């Protein structure tokens, strides 16, 4: 029998991260919940938990960082998804340390560009227009599939 998986997401400005989560949920039998719903859920019923967020100031959104610190049960298998204006490949490092400090096993990280009009980027019409692309969304689905049963 497969693992029971929940993907908790926070996708605000343009719904970039939600596009990844929705595509995974369409392809695989996973549960999804916005972070505002997840704070009311019993997470102990899940074998694997995905944390999906946009990026602000080089980290997952503050509410997701706080959720990982305060609400994520110890010892879970966890993976990360994110979208950002410009990907450095390091945006999950802070939340990953938090999760590892709770004895959780990190299964992997997938990040890709997402259309970003936050702050000064609004003045130039945004960056990473057209992202995530269909290819990037499919890569997120493939990433999840590679985690295996």
N, C-alpha and C. Protein backbone atom coordinates (compact mmCIF):
# COMPACT_ATOMS: atom_id res chain seq x y z
N UNK A 1 0.84 -1.19 0.00
CA UNK A 1 0.00 0.00 0.00
C UNK A 1 0.88 1.25 0.00
N UNK A 2 0.47 2.26 -0.72
CA UNK A 2 1.25 3.49 -0.84
C UNK A 2 1.21 4.31 0.42
N UNK A 3 2.11 5.24 0.48
CA UNK A 3 2.17 6.15 1.62
C UNK A 3 1.07 7.19 1.51
N UNK A 4 0.57 7.60 2.63
CA UNK A 4 -0.41 8.68 2.66
C UNK A 4 0.36 10.00 2.72
N UNK A 5 0.10 10.85 1.73
CA UNK A 5 0.86 12.09 1.57
C UNK A 5 -0.05 13.30 1.62
N UNK A 6 0.43 14.34 2.29
CA UNK A 6 -0.23 15.63 2.34
C UNK A 6 0.76 16.68 1.85
N UNK A 7 0.31 17.53 0.93
CA UNK A 7 1.13 18.68 0.52
C UNK A 7 0.46 19.93 1.07
N UNK A 8 1.18 20.62 1.92
CA UNK A 8 0.72 21.88 2.52
C UNK A 8 1.34 23.00 1.70
N UNK A 9 0.52 23.94 1.27
CA UNK A 9 1.06 24.98 0.41
C UNK A 9 0.62 26.38 0.82
N UNK A 10 1.46 27.32 0.44
CA UNK A 10 1.18 28.74 0.58
C UNK A 10 1.58 29.37 -0.75
N UNK A 11 0.57 29.82 -1.49
CA UNK A 11 0.78 30.35 -2.83
C UNK A 11 -0.04 31.62 -2.94
N UNK A 12 0.62 32.76 -2.90
CA UNK A 12 -0.12 34.00 -2.77
C UNK A 12 -0.21 34.82 -4.05
N UNK A 13 0.81 35.48 -4.46
CA UNK A 13 0.74 36.52 -5.48
C UNK A 13 0.14 36.10 -6.81
N UNK A 14 0.69 35.10 -7.45
CA UNK A 14 0.22 34.70 -8.77
C UNK A 14 -0.18 33.23 -8.85
N UNK A 15 -0.20 32.53 -7.73
CA UNK A 15 -0.59 31.12 -7.73
C UNK A 15 0.43 30.20 -8.36
N UNK A 16 1.68 30.64 -8.44
CA UNK A 16 2.72 29.83 -9.07
C UNK A 16 2.92 28.49 -8.37
N UNK A 17 3.08 28.51 -7.07
CA UNK A 17 3.33 27.28 -6.31
C UNK A 17 2.11 26.37 -6.37
N UNK A 18 0.94 26.94 -6.33
CA UNK A 18 -0.28 26.12 -6.39
C UNK A 18 -0.36 25.35 -7.70
N UNK A 19 0.16 25.92 -8.78
CA UNK A 19 0.17 25.20 -10.06
C UNK A 19 0.94 23.89 -9.94
N UNK A 20 2.06 23.92 -9.23
CA UNK A 20 2.84 22.69 -9.03
C UNK A 20 2.06 21.69 -8.19
N UNK A 21 1.48 22.17 -7.10
CA UNK A 21 0.74 21.31 -6.18
C UNK A 21 -0.46 20.69 -6.88
N UNK A 22 -1.21 21.49 -7.62
CA UNK A 22 -2.39 20.99 -8.32
C UNK A 22 -2.02 19.92 -9.35
N UNK A 23 -0.92 20.12 -10.06
CA UNK A 23 -0.49 19.14 -11.06
C UNK A 23 -0.10 17.82 -10.41
N UNK A 24 0.58 17.89 -9.28
CA UNK A 24 0.94 16.67 -8.56
C UNK A 24 -0.32 15.96 -8.07
N UNK A 25 -1.26 16.72 -7.52
CA UNK A 25 -2.50 16.13 -7.00
C UNK A 25 -3.35 15.53 -8.11
N UNK A 26 -3.22 16.05 -9.32
CA UNK A 26 -3.95 15.49 -10.46
C UNK A 26 -3.33 14.16 -10.90
N UNK A 27 -2.02 14.04 -10.76
CA UNK A 27 -1.31 12.86 -11.23
C UNK A 27 -1.18 11.75 -10.18
N UNK A 28 -1.26 12.11 -8.90
CA UNK A 28 -1.03 11.14 -7.82
C UNK A 28 -2.10 11.29 -6.74
N UNK A 29 -2.35 10.21 -5.99
CA UNK A 29 -3.34 10.28 -4.90
C UNK A 29 -2.76 10.93 -3.64
N UNK A 30 -2.69 12.25 -3.65
CA UNK A 30 -2.19 13.00 -2.50
C UNK A 30 -3.29 13.94 -2.01
N UNK A 31 -3.24 14.26 -0.75
CA UNK A 31 -4.11 15.29 -0.19
C UNK A 31 -3.36 16.61 -0.24
N UNK A 32 -4.10 17.70 -0.40
CA UNK A 32 -3.49 19.02 -0.37
C UNK A 32 -4.28 19.91 0.59
N UNK A 33 -3.58 20.87 1.17
CA UNK A 33 -4.23 21.82 2.07
C UNK A 33 -3.46 23.12 2.07
N UNK A 34 -4.21 24.21 1.99
CA UNK A 34 -3.57 25.51 2.19
C UNK A 34 -3.09 25.55 3.64
N UNK A 35 -2.08 26.34 3.90
CA UNK A 35 -1.50 26.40 5.24
C UNK A 35 -2.54 26.79 6.28
N UNK A 36 -3.49 27.64 5.92
CA UNK A 36 -4.53 28.05 6.87
C UNK A 36 -5.42 26.89 7.28
N UNK A 37 -5.59 25.89 6.40
CA UNK A 37 -6.34 24.68 6.73
C UNK A 37 -5.48 23.70 7.51
N UNK A 38 -4.22 23.61 7.12
CA UNK A 38 -3.31 22.61 7.70
C UNK A 38 -3.08 22.81 9.19
N UNK A 39 -3.16 24.05 9.66
CA UNK A 39 -2.93 24.29 11.08
C UNK A 39 -4.01 23.63 11.95
N UNK A 40 -5.14 23.26 11.35
CA UNK A 40 -6.24 22.63 12.08
C UNK A 40 -6.25 21.11 11.92
N UNK A 41 -5.33 20.57 11.14
CA UNK A 41 -5.35 19.14 10.80
C UNK A 41 -4.45 18.32 11.72
N UNK A 42 -4.78 17.03 11.83
CA UNK A 42 -3.93 16.08 12.53
C UNK A 42 -2.92 15.54 11.52
N UNK A 43 -1.71 16.02 11.58
CA UNK A 43 -0.69 15.64 10.61
C UNK A 43 -0.08 14.27 10.90
N UNK A 44 -0.36 13.73 12.07
CA UNK A 44 0.18 12.42 12.42
C UNK A 44 -0.40 11.30 11.58
N UNK A 45 -1.51 11.55 10.89
CA UNK A 45 -2.11 10.52 10.04
C UNK A 45 -1.40 10.38 8.70
N UNK A 46 -0.45 11.26 8.42
CA UNK A 46 0.26 11.24 7.15
C UNK A 46 1.66 10.68 7.31
N UNK A 47 2.07 9.87 6.32
CA UNK A 47 3.42 9.32 6.30
C UNK A 47 4.43 10.32 5.76
N UNK A 48 3.98 11.07 4.73
CA UNK A 48 4.85 12.05 4.08
C UNK A 48 4.14 13.39 4.03
N UNK A 49 4.92 14.43 4.20
CA UNK A 49 4.38 15.79 4.15
C UNK A 49 5.25 16.63 3.23
N UNK A 50 4.60 17.26 2.28
CA UNK A 50 5.27 18.20 1.40
C UNK A 50 4.98 19.61 1.87
N UNK A 51 5.99 20.44 1.88
CA UNK A 51 5.83 21.85 2.22
C UNK A 51 6.14 22.65 0.96
N UNK A 52 5.15 23.40 0.48
CA UNK A 52 5.26 24.11 -0.79
C UNK A 52 4.98 25.59 -0.57
N UNK A 53 5.86 26.43 -1.10
CA UNK A 53 5.76 27.86 -0.80
C UNK A 53 6.42 28.69 -1.89
N UNK A 54 5.99 29.92 -1.96
CA UNK A 54 6.76 30.91 -2.70
C UNK A 54 7.95 31.31 -1.84
N UNK A 55 8.80 32.14 -2.39
CA UNK A 55 10.01 32.56 -1.70
C UNK A 55 9.96 34.07 -1.46
N UNK A 56 10.33 34.46 -0.25
CA UNK A 56 10.44 35.87 0.10
C UNK A 56 11.72 36.07 0.90
N UNK A 57 12.54 36.98 0.45
CA UNK A 57 13.80 37.28 1.13
C UNK A 57 14.65 36.02 1.32
N UNK A 58 14.73 35.21 0.25
CA UNK A 58 15.59 34.03 0.15
C UNK A 58 15.18 32.87 1.06
N UNK A 59 13.92 32.87 1.53
CA UNK A 59 13.43 31.76 2.36
C UNK A 59 11.98 31.47 1.98
N UNK A 60 11.50 30.32 2.44
CA UNK A 60 10.07 30.04 2.31
C UNK A 60 9.30 31.14 3.03
N UNK A 61 8.05 31.35 2.63
CA UNK A 61 7.26 32.40 3.26
C UNK A 61 7.30 32.25 4.78
N UNK A 62 7.26 33.34 5.53
CA UNK A 62 7.37 33.28 7.00
C UNK A 62 6.35 32.35 7.66
N UNK A 63 5.12 32.33 7.18
CA UNK A 63 4.11 31.44 7.79
C UNK A 63 4.48 29.98 7.61
N UNK A 64 5.09 29.63 6.46
CA UNK A 64 5.48 28.24 6.23
C UNK A 64 6.68 27.89 7.10
N UNK A 65 7.61 28.82 7.25
CA UNK A 65 8.76 28.59 8.13
C UNK A 65 8.27 28.35 9.57
N UNK A 66 7.33 29.18 10.02
CA UNK A 66 6.78 29.04 11.38
C UNK A 66 6.02 27.73 11.52
N UNK A 67 5.27 27.35 10.48
CA UNK A 67 4.52 26.09 10.51
C UNK A 67 5.48 24.91 10.69
N UNK A 68 6.56 24.90 9.93
CA UNK A 68 7.53 23.81 10.03
C UNK A 68 8.13 23.75 11.43
N UNK A 69 8.39 24.89 12.01
CA UNK A 69 8.99 24.95 13.33
C UNK A 69 8.01 24.55 14.44
N UNK A 70 6.77 25.00 14.33
CA UNK A 70 5.81 24.85 15.43
C UNK A 70 4.82 23.70 15.28
N UNK A 71 4.47 23.32 14.05
CA UNK A 71 3.37 22.37 13.85
C UNK A 71 3.77 21.04 13.21
N UNK A 72 4.88 21.01 12.51
CA UNK A 72 5.28 19.77 11.83
C UNK A 72 5.66 18.71 12.87
N UNK A 73 5.02 17.53 12.81
CA UNK A 73 5.39 16.48 13.76
C UNK A 73 6.82 15.99 13.55
N UNK A 74 7.41 15.53 14.60
CA UNK A 74 8.77 15.00 14.52
C UNK A 74 8.78 13.68 13.77
N UNK A 75 9.91 13.40 13.13
CA UNK A 75 10.14 12.11 12.51
C UNK A 75 9.41 11.84 11.20
N UNK A 76 8.84 12.83 10.58
CA UNK A 76 8.12 12.64 9.31
C UNK A 76 9.09 12.62 8.13
N UNK A 77 8.62 12.05 7.03
CA UNK A 77 9.33 12.15 5.75
C UNK A 77 8.78 13.40 5.09
N UNK A 78 9.68 14.30 4.68
CA UNK A 78 9.28 15.62 4.21
C UNK A 78 9.97 15.93 2.88
N UNK A 79 9.24 16.62 2.01
CA UNK A 79 9.83 17.13 0.78
C UNK A 79 9.38 18.58 0.60
N UNK A 80 10.11 19.30 -0.25
CA UNK A 80 9.86 20.73 -0.44
C UNK A 80 9.63 21.05 -1.90
N UNK A 81 8.71 21.98 -2.13
CA UNK A 81 8.45 22.55 -3.46
C UNK A 81 8.46 24.06 -3.31
N UNK A 82 9.01 24.76 -4.29
CA UNK A 82 8.93 26.22 -4.24
C UNK A 82 8.99 26.81 -5.63
N UNK A 83 8.48 28.04 -5.74
CA UNK A 83 8.63 28.86 -6.93
C UNK A 83 9.19 30.20 -6.49
N UNK A 84 9.96 30.83 -7.38
CA UNK A 84 10.62 32.08 -7.02
C UNK A 84 10.94 32.88 -8.28
N UNK A 85 11.20 34.16 -8.09
CA UNK A 85 11.54 35.02 -9.21
C UNK A 85 12.82 34.61 -9.91
N UNK A 86 13.84 34.32 -9.13
CA UNK A 86 15.14 33.89 -9.66
C UNK A 86 15.67 32.80 -8.75
N UNK A 87 15.88 31.63 -9.31
CA UNK A 87 16.24 30.46 -8.50
C UNK A 87 17.75 30.38 -8.26
N UNK A 88 18.13 30.28 -7.00
CA UNK A 88 19.53 30.08 -6.65
C UNK A 88 19.81 28.63 -6.27
N UNK A 89 18.73 27.85 -6.08
CA UNK A 89 18.89 26.47 -5.66
C UNK A 89 19.13 26.32 -4.16
N UNK A 90 19.11 27.42 -3.42
CA UNK A 90 19.41 27.35 -1.98
C UNK A 90 18.25 27.80 -1.10
N UNK A 91 17.10 28.06 -1.68
CA UNK A 91 16.01 28.66 -0.91
C UNK A 91 15.39 27.74 0.14
N UNK A 92 15.57 26.44 0.02
CA UNK A 92 15.00 25.52 1.00
C UNK A 92 15.96 25.25 2.16
N UNK A 93 17.15 25.80 2.14
CA UNK A 93 18.16 25.43 3.14
C UNK A 93 17.74 25.79 4.56
N UNK A 94 17.12 26.93 4.78
CA UNK A 94 16.74 27.33 6.13
C UNK A 94 15.65 26.41 6.68
N UNK A 95 14.59 26.20 5.92
CA UNK A 95 13.49 25.35 6.38
C UNK A 95 13.95 23.89 6.49
N UNK A 96 14.88 23.50 5.64
CA UNK A 96 15.41 22.14 5.71
C UNK A 96 16.13 21.91 7.04
N UNK A 97 16.89 22.88 7.50
CA UNK A 97 17.57 22.75 8.80
C UNK A 97 16.56 22.62 9.93
N UNK A 98 15.48 23.40 9.85
CA UNK A 98 14.42 23.31 10.85
C UNK A 98 13.83 21.92 10.90
N UNK A 99 13.50 21.38 9.74
CA UNK A 99 12.87 20.07 9.63
C UNK A 99 13.82 18.96 10.10
N UNK A 100 15.07 19.05 9.69
CA UNK A 100 16.05 18.04 10.12
C UNK A 100 16.25 18.09 11.63
N UNK A 101 16.15 19.28 12.22
CA UNK A 101 16.25 19.43 13.67
C UNK A 101 15.11 18.76 14.42
N UNK A 102 14.03 18.45 13.70
CA UNK A 102 12.89 17.74 14.29
C UNK A 102 12.97 16.24 14.02
N UNK A 103 14.12 15.80 13.55
CA UNK A 103 14.29 14.37 13.27
C UNK A 103 13.57 13.89 12.03
N UNK A 104 13.22 14.81 11.14
CA UNK A 104 12.53 14.44 9.91
C UNK A 104 13.55 14.08 8.83
N UNK A 105 13.14 13.19 7.95
CA UNK A 105 13.96 12.80 6.82
C UNK A 105 13.55 13.64 5.61
N UNK A 106 14.49 14.36 5.03
CA UNK A 106 14.21 15.17 3.85
C UNK A 106 14.37 14.28 2.62
N UNK A 107 13.27 14.15 1.86
CA UNK A 107 13.27 13.30 0.68
C UNK A 107 13.78 14.01 -0.56
N UNK A 108 13.65 15.34 -0.60
CA UNK A 108 14.13 16.07 -1.75
C UNK A 108 13.53 17.46 -1.83
N UNK A 109 14.05 18.23 -2.79
CA UNK A 109 13.63 19.62 -2.99
C UNK A 109 13.44 19.84 -4.49
N UNK A 110 12.32 20.47 -4.86
CA UNK A 110 12.13 20.90 -6.24
C UNK A 110 11.75 22.37 -6.23
N UNK A 111 12.49 23.16 -6.98
CA UNK A 111 12.19 24.57 -7.13
C UNK A 111 12.30 24.99 -8.57
N UNK A 112 11.52 25.99 -8.94
CA UNK A 112 11.59 26.52 -10.30
C UNK A 112 11.16 27.98 -10.29
N UNK A 113 11.43 28.69 -11.39
CA UNK A 113 11.00 30.08 -11.46
C UNK A 113 9.48 30.22 -11.44
N UNK A 114 9.03 31.35 -10.94
CA UNK A 114 7.62 31.70 -10.96
C UNK A 114 7.51 33.20 -11.20
N UNK A 115 6.48 33.63 -11.91
CA UNK A 115 6.28 35.04 -12.20
C UNK A 115 6.26 35.82 -10.90
N UNK A 116 7.04 36.89 -10.83
CA UNK A 116 7.26 37.63 -9.59
C UNK A 116 7.12 39.13 -9.85
N UNK A 117 6.15 39.75 -9.17
CA UNK A 117 5.96 41.20 -9.27
C UNK A 117 6.06 41.86 -7.90
N UNK A 118 6.77 41.20 -6.98
CA UNK A 118 6.87 41.73 -5.63
C UNK A 118 7.83 42.92 -5.59
N UNK A 119 7.47 43.91 -4.80
CA UNK A 119 8.34 45.06 -4.55
C UNK A 119 8.82 45.75 -5.82
N UNK A 120 10.14 45.91 -5.95
CA UNK A 120 10.66 46.67 -7.10
C UNK A 120 10.43 45.97 -8.44
N UNK A 121 10.19 44.66 -8.43
CA UNK A 121 9.95 43.96 -9.69
C UNK A 121 8.67 44.44 -10.37
N UNK A 122 7.74 44.96 -9.58
CA UNK A 122 6.50 45.50 -10.13
C UNK A 122 6.80 46.67 -11.08
N UNK A 123 7.80 47.46 -10.74
CA UNK A 123 8.15 48.63 -11.54
C UNK A 123 8.59 48.28 -12.95
N UNK A 124 9.13 47.08 -13.12
CA UNK A 124 9.60 46.66 -14.44
C UNK A 124 8.67 45.61 -15.07
N UNK A 125 7.47 45.47 -14.50
CA UNK A 125 6.50 44.52 -15.04
C UNK A 125 6.72 43.09 -14.60
N UNK A 126 7.57 42.90 -13.61
CA UNK A 126 7.81 41.56 -13.07
C UNK A 126 8.98 40.85 -13.73
N UNK A 127 9.39 39.76 -13.11
CA UNK A 127 10.45 38.91 -13.65
C UNK A 127 9.91 37.48 -13.76
N UNK A 128 10.57 36.68 -14.52
CA UNK A 128 10.19 35.28 -14.75
C UNK A 128 8.77 35.17 -15.31
N UNK A 129 8.46 36.05 -16.24
CA UNK A 129 7.15 36.01 -16.89
C UNK A 129 6.96 34.66 -17.58
N UNK A 130 5.75 34.14 -17.50
CA UNK A 130 5.45 32.86 -18.15
C UNK A 130 5.89 31.64 -17.37
N UNK A 131 6.35 31.84 -16.16
CA UNK A 131 6.79 30.71 -15.31
C UNK A 131 5.83 30.54 -14.15
N UNK A 132 5.65 29.33 -13.67
CA UNK A 132 6.29 28.11 -14.17
C UNK A 132 5.71 27.69 -15.52
N UNK A 133 6.56 27.17 -16.37
CA UNK A 133 6.15 26.70 -17.69
C UNK A 133 5.52 25.30 -17.54
N UNK A 134 4.90 24.84 -18.60
CA UNK A 134 4.35 23.48 -18.57
C UNK A 134 5.46 22.46 -18.30
N UNK A 135 6.64 22.70 -18.87
CA UNK A 135 7.78 21.79 -18.64
C UNK A 135 8.18 21.80 -17.16
N UNK A 136 8.23 22.97 -16.55
CA UNK A 136 8.60 23.06 -15.13
C UNK A 136 7.54 22.41 -14.24
N UNK A 137 6.29 22.57 -14.61
CA UNK A 137 5.20 21.93 -13.85
C UNK A 137 5.33 20.41 -13.97
N UNK A 138 5.60 19.92 -15.18
CA UNK A 138 5.78 18.48 -15.37
C UNK A 138 7.01 17.98 -14.61
N UNK A 139 8.05 18.79 -14.54
CA UNK A 139 9.23 18.39 -13.76
C UNK A 139 8.89 18.25 -12.28
N UNK A 140 7.97 19.08 -11.77
CA UNK A 140 7.53 18.94 -10.38
C UNK A 140 6.78 17.62 -10.19
N UNK A 141 5.94 17.28 -11.15
CA UNK A 141 5.22 16.00 -11.10
C UNK A 141 6.22 14.84 -11.14
N UNK A 142 7.20 14.94 -12.03
CA UNK A 142 8.22 13.91 -12.14
C UNK A 142 9.05 13.79 -10.86
N UNK A 143 9.36 14.94 -10.26
CA UNK A 143 10.08 14.96 -8.97
C UNK A 143 9.30 14.16 -7.93
N UNK A 144 8.00 14.46 -7.82
CA UNK A 144 7.20 13.73 -6.83
C UNK A 144 7.16 12.23 -7.16
N UNK A 145 6.98 11.91 -8.43
CA UNK A 145 6.94 10.51 -8.82
C UNK A 145 8.22 9.76 -8.49
N UNK A 146 9.35 10.45 -8.60
CA UNK A 146 10.65 9.85 -8.30
C UNK A 146 10.85 9.55 -6.82
N UNK A 147 10.00 10.17 -5.96
CA UNK A 147 10.11 9.88 -4.53
C UNK A 147 9.69 8.45 -4.23
N UNK A 148 8.92 7.84 -5.13
CA UNK A 148 8.52 6.44 -5.01
C UNK A 148 7.47 6.23 -3.94
N UNK A 149 7.09 5.00 -3.83
CA UNK A 149 6.08 4.60 -2.83
C UNK A 149 6.75 4.56 -1.52
